Amino acid sequence: MGDPLHNSVLDVLRGFGRRNEAALEDLAEFPEWQRIAQTELERRATSIVQALDDEALRAIAVGDIDFSQLCREAARELGPKAA
């Protein structure tokens, strides 16, 4: 059956290509997919900090708050499903 992740990405690309085959062919020639994916991961990570006030952002920025540790703590509190 193949790798589920691979198949999931392929399904998205097939759907895109059905609407615009020429654009899909152009995307196949684009050389920077790893960089683009990393940038998107960073953008998505920033969406959570947009909910924080300036004081919290400053504390994270200077290292007074370990945001990664707080994420792990919150996941533990939510239980095994989140961790």
N, C-alpha and C. Protein backbone atom coordinates (compact mmCIF):
# COMPACT_ATOMS: atom_id res chain seq x y z
N MET A 1 0.82 -1.20 0.00
CA MET A 1 0.00 0.00 0.00
C MET A 1 0.86 1.26 0.00
N GLY A 2 2.09 1.18 0.44
CA GLY A 2 2.95 2.35 0.46
C GLY A 2 2.93 3.06 1.79
N ASP A 3 3.83 4.00 1.90
CA ASP A 3 3.97 4.81 3.10
C ASP A 3 2.79 5.78 3.19
N PRO A 4 2.06 5.79 4.33
CA PRO A 4 0.89 6.69 4.45
C PRO A 4 1.23 8.16 4.28
N LEU A 5 2.37 8.59 4.81
CA LEU A 5 2.76 9.99 4.67
C LEU A 5 3.02 10.34 3.21
N HIS A 6 3.75 9.48 2.53
CA HIS A 6 4.03 9.67 1.10
C HIS A 6 2.73 9.76 0.32
N ASN A 7 1.81 8.83 0.60
CA ASN A 7 0.53 8.81 -0.11
C ASN A 7 -0.30 10.06 0.19
N SER A 8 -0.23 10.55 1.41
CA SER A 8 -0.97 11.75 1.78
C SER A 8 -0.49 12.96 0.98
N VAL A 9 0.82 13.11 0.89
CA VAL A 9 1.39 14.23 0.12
C VAL A 9 1.04 14.07 -1.36
N LEU A 10 1.15 12.86 -1.86
CA LEU A 10 0.82 12.60 -3.26
C LEU A 10 -0.64 12.92 -3.55
N ASP A 11 -1.53 12.60 -2.62
CA ASP A 11 -2.95 12.94 -2.79
C ASP A 11 -3.16 14.44 -2.92
N VAL A 12 -2.45 15.21 -2.08
CA VAL A 12 -2.57 16.68 -2.16
C VAL A 12 -2.09 17.17 -3.52
N LEU A 13 -0.97 16.63 -3.98
CA LEU A 13 -0.43 17.04 -5.27
C LEU A 13 -1.34 16.65 -6.42
N ARG A 14 -1.93 15.46 -6.35
CA ARG A 14 -2.88 15.05 -7.40
C ARG A 14 -4.06 16.00 -7.45
N GLY A 15 -4.60 16.35 -6.27
CA GLY A 15 -5.72 17.28 -6.23
C GLY A 15 -5.35 18.62 -6.83
N PHE A 16 -4.18 19.11 -6.49
CA PHE A 16 -3.71 20.37 -7.05
C PHE A 16 -3.57 20.26 -8.56
N GLY A 17 -2.95 19.17 -9.02
CA GLY A 17 -2.70 18.98 -10.44
C GLY A 17 -3.97 18.81 -11.26
N ARG A 18 -5.01 18.26 -10.67
CA ARG A 18 -6.28 18.13 -11.40
C ARG A 18 -6.84 19.51 -11.76
N ARG A 19 -6.59 20.48 -10.90
CA ARG A 19 -7.09 21.84 -11.15
C ARG A 19 -6.13 22.65 -12.03
N ASN A 20 -4.84 22.31 -11.97
CA ASN A 20 -3.87 23.13 -12.71
C ASN A 20 -2.63 22.29 -12.99
N GLU A 21 -2.70 21.50 -14.04
CA GLU A 21 -1.61 20.59 -14.37
C GLU A 21 -0.31 21.33 -14.72
N ALA A 22 -0.45 22.45 -15.43
CA ALA A 22 0.75 23.22 -15.80
C ALA A 22 1.47 23.74 -14.55
N ALA A 23 0.70 24.20 -13.58
CA ALA A 23 1.32 24.70 -12.34
C ALA A 23 2.01 23.57 -11.60
N LEU A 24 1.43 22.39 -11.60
CA LEU A 24 2.06 21.24 -10.95
C LEU A 24 3.39 20.92 -11.63
N GLU A 25 3.42 20.99 -12.93
CA GLU A 25 4.67 20.75 -13.65
C GLU A 25 5.71 21.81 -13.29
N ASP A 26 5.28 23.05 -13.14
CA ASP A 26 6.20 24.11 -12.71
C ASP A 26 6.74 23.83 -11.30
N LEU A 27 5.86 23.39 -10.41
CA LEU A 27 6.28 23.09 -9.04
C LEU A 27 7.33 21.98 -9.01
N ALA A 28 7.22 21.04 -9.93
CA ALA A 28 8.18 19.94 -9.98
C ALA A 28 9.59 20.43 -10.27
N GLU A 29 9.70 21.58 -10.89
CA GLU A 29 11.01 22.14 -11.23
C GLU A 29 11.56 23.07 -10.18
N PHE A 30 10.76 23.40 -9.16
CA PHE A 30 11.21 24.32 -8.13
C PHE A 30 12.22 23.63 -7.22
N PRO A 31 13.42 24.21 -7.02
CA PRO A 31 14.49 23.50 -6.32
C PRO A 31 14.53 23.68 -4.80
N GLU A 32 13.65 24.48 -4.23
CA GLU A 32 13.81 24.89 -2.83
C GLU A 32 12.76 24.32 -1.88
N TRP A 33 12.24 23.12 -2.11
CA TRP A 33 11.16 22.60 -1.29
C TRP A 33 11.55 22.38 0.16
N GLN A 34 12.75 21.94 0.43
CA GLN A 34 13.17 21.75 1.83
C GLN A 34 13.18 23.08 2.58
N ARG A 35 13.70 24.11 1.95
CA ARG A 35 13.75 25.44 2.57
C ARG A 35 12.33 25.98 2.79
N ILE A 36 11.48 25.80 1.80
CA ILE A 36 10.11 26.28 1.91
C ILE A 36 9.38 25.55 3.04
N ALA A 37 9.58 24.24 3.14
CA ALA A 37 8.92 23.47 4.20
C ALA A 37 9.42 23.92 5.58
N GLN A 38 10.71 24.18 5.71
CA GLN A 38 11.25 24.65 6.98
C GLN A 38 10.67 26.02 7.34
N THR A 39 10.57 26.89 6.36
CA THR A 39 9.99 28.21 6.59
C THR A 39 8.54 28.10 7.05
N GLU A 40 7.79 27.19 6.44
CA GLU A 40 6.40 27.00 6.82
C GLU A 40 6.28 26.44 8.24
N LEU A 41 7.17 25.51 8.61
CA LEU A 41 7.17 25.00 9.98
C LEU A 41 7.42 26.13 10.97
N GLU A 42 8.36 27.01 10.64
CA GLU A 42 8.65 28.15 11.51
C GLU A 42 7.46 29.09 11.60
N ARG A 43 6.78 29.33 10.48
CA ARG A 43 5.60 30.20 10.48
C ARG A 43 4.51 29.61 11.37
N ARG A 44 4.31 28.30 11.25
CA ARG A 44 3.27 27.65 12.07
C ARG A 44 3.64 27.68 13.55
N ALA A 45 4.91 27.53 13.85
CA ALA A 45 5.35 27.59 15.25
C ALA A 45 5.11 28.97 15.83
N THR A 46 5.25 29.99 15.00
CA THR A 46 5.06 31.34 15.51
C THR A 46 3.60 31.66 15.79
N SER A 47 2.69 30.89 15.21
CA SER A 47 1.27 31.21 15.40
C SER A 47 0.87 31.11 16.87
N ILE A 48 1.47 30.21 17.64
CA ILE A 48 1.10 30.07 19.05
C ILE A 48 1.59 31.26 19.86
N VAL A 49 2.77 31.78 19.55
CA VAL A 49 3.28 32.89 20.34
C VAL A 49 2.55 34.20 20.05
N GLN A 50 1.81 34.26 18.96
CA GLN A 50 1.02 35.45 18.67
C GLN A 50 -0.06 35.67 19.72
N ALA A 51 -0.43 34.60 20.44
CA ALA A 51 -1.45 34.71 21.48
C ALA A 51 -0.88 35.26 22.80
N LEU A 52 0.44 35.35 22.89
CA LEU A 52 1.09 35.80 24.13
C LEU A 52 1.22 37.32 24.16
N ASP A 53 1.23 37.86 25.37
CA ASP A 53 1.42 39.31 25.50
C ASP A 53 2.90 39.65 25.39
N ASP A 54 3.19 40.95 25.32
CA ASP A 54 4.56 41.41 25.13
C ASP A 54 5.47 40.98 26.28
N GLU A 55 4.96 41.00 27.49
CA GLU A 55 5.77 40.61 28.64
C GLU A 55 6.24 39.15 28.52
N ALA A 56 5.33 38.28 28.14
CA ALA A 56 5.69 36.87 27.98
C ALA A 56 6.69 36.69 26.83
N LEU A 57 6.47 37.39 25.73
CA LEU A 57 7.39 37.30 24.59
C LEU A 57 8.79 37.76 24.98
N ARG A 58 8.87 38.84 25.73
CA ARG A 58 10.19 39.32 26.17
C ARG A 58 10.88 38.29 27.06
N ALA A 59 10.12 37.67 27.96
CA ALA A 59 10.69 36.66 28.86
C ALA A 59 11.21 35.46 28.08
N ILE A 60 10.49 35.06 27.07
CA ILE A 60 10.95 33.96 26.21
C ILE A 60 12.19 34.40 25.44
N ALA A 61 12.15 35.60 24.89
CA ALA A 61 13.25 36.11 24.06
C ALA A 61 14.57 36.17 24.82
N VAL A 62 14.53 36.54 26.11
CA VAL A 62 15.77 36.65 26.89
C VAL A 62 16.12 35.37 27.64
N GLY A 63 15.27 34.37 27.52
CA GLY A 63 15.57 33.09 28.15
C GLY A 63 15.05 32.93 29.56
N ASP A 64 14.25 33.87 30.04
CA ASP A 64 13.67 33.74 31.38
C ASP A 64 12.59 32.66 31.43
N ILE A 65 11.95 32.42 30.30
CA ILE A 65 10.96 31.35 30.18
C ILE A 65 11.46 30.38 29.12
N ASP A 66 11.50 29.10 29.47
CA ASP A 66 11.85 28.05 28.52
C ASP A 66 10.56 27.56 27.87
N PHE A 67 10.27 28.09 26.70
CA PHE A 67 8.99 27.81 26.05
C PHE A 67 8.87 26.33 25.68
N SER A 68 9.94 25.70 25.25
CA SER A 68 9.90 24.27 24.93
C SER A 68 9.52 23.46 26.16
N GLN A 69 10.10 23.81 27.30
CA GLN A 69 9.79 23.11 28.54
C GLN A 69 8.32 23.30 28.91
N LEU A 70 7.81 24.51 28.75
CA LEU A 70 6.40 24.75 29.05
C LEU A 70 5.48 23.97 28.11
N CYS A 71 5.87 23.82 26.87
CA CYS A 71 5.09 22.99 25.93
C CYS A 71 5.04 21.55 26.41
N ARG A 72 6.19 21.02 26.84
CA ARG A 72 6.22 19.64 27.35
C ARG A 72 5.37 19.51 28.61
N GLU A 73 5.45 20.50 29.49
CA GLU A 73 4.67 20.48 30.73
C GLU A 73 3.17 20.48 30.42
N ALA A 74 2.76 21.32 29.50
CA ALA A 74 1.35 21.38 29.13
C ALA A 74 0.90 20.05 28.52
N ALA A 75 1.74 19.45 27.70
CA ALA A 75 1.39 18.16 27.08
C ALA A 75 1.24 17.08 28.13
N ARG A 76 2.14 17.06 29.13
CA ARG A 76 2.03 16.08 30.21
C ARG A 76 0.73 16.27 30.98
N GLU A 77 0.38 17.51 31.25
CA GLU A 77 -0.85 17.79 31.99
C GLU A 77 -2.10 17.34 31.23
N LEU A 78 -2.02 17.39 29.92
CA LEU A 78 -3.16 16.97 29.10
C LEU A 78 -3.32 15.45 29.05
N GLY A 79 -2.25 14.75 29.42
CA GLY A 79 -2.34 13.30 29.49
C GLY A 79 -1.65 12.60 28.35
N PRO A 80 -1.72 11.27 28.34
CA PRO A 80 -0.98 10.46 27.38
C PRO A 80 -1.35 10.72 25.93
N LYS A 81 -2.56 11.14 25.64
CA LYS A 81 -2.96 11.38 24.26
C LYS A 81 -2.17 12.52 23.64
N ALA A 82 -1.87 13.54 24.42
CA ALA A 82 -1.15 14.71 23.92
C ALA A 82 0.35 14.50 23.87
N ALA A 83 0.88 13.63 24.72
CA ALA A 83 2.33 13.46 24.81
C ALA A 83 2.86 12.50 23.82
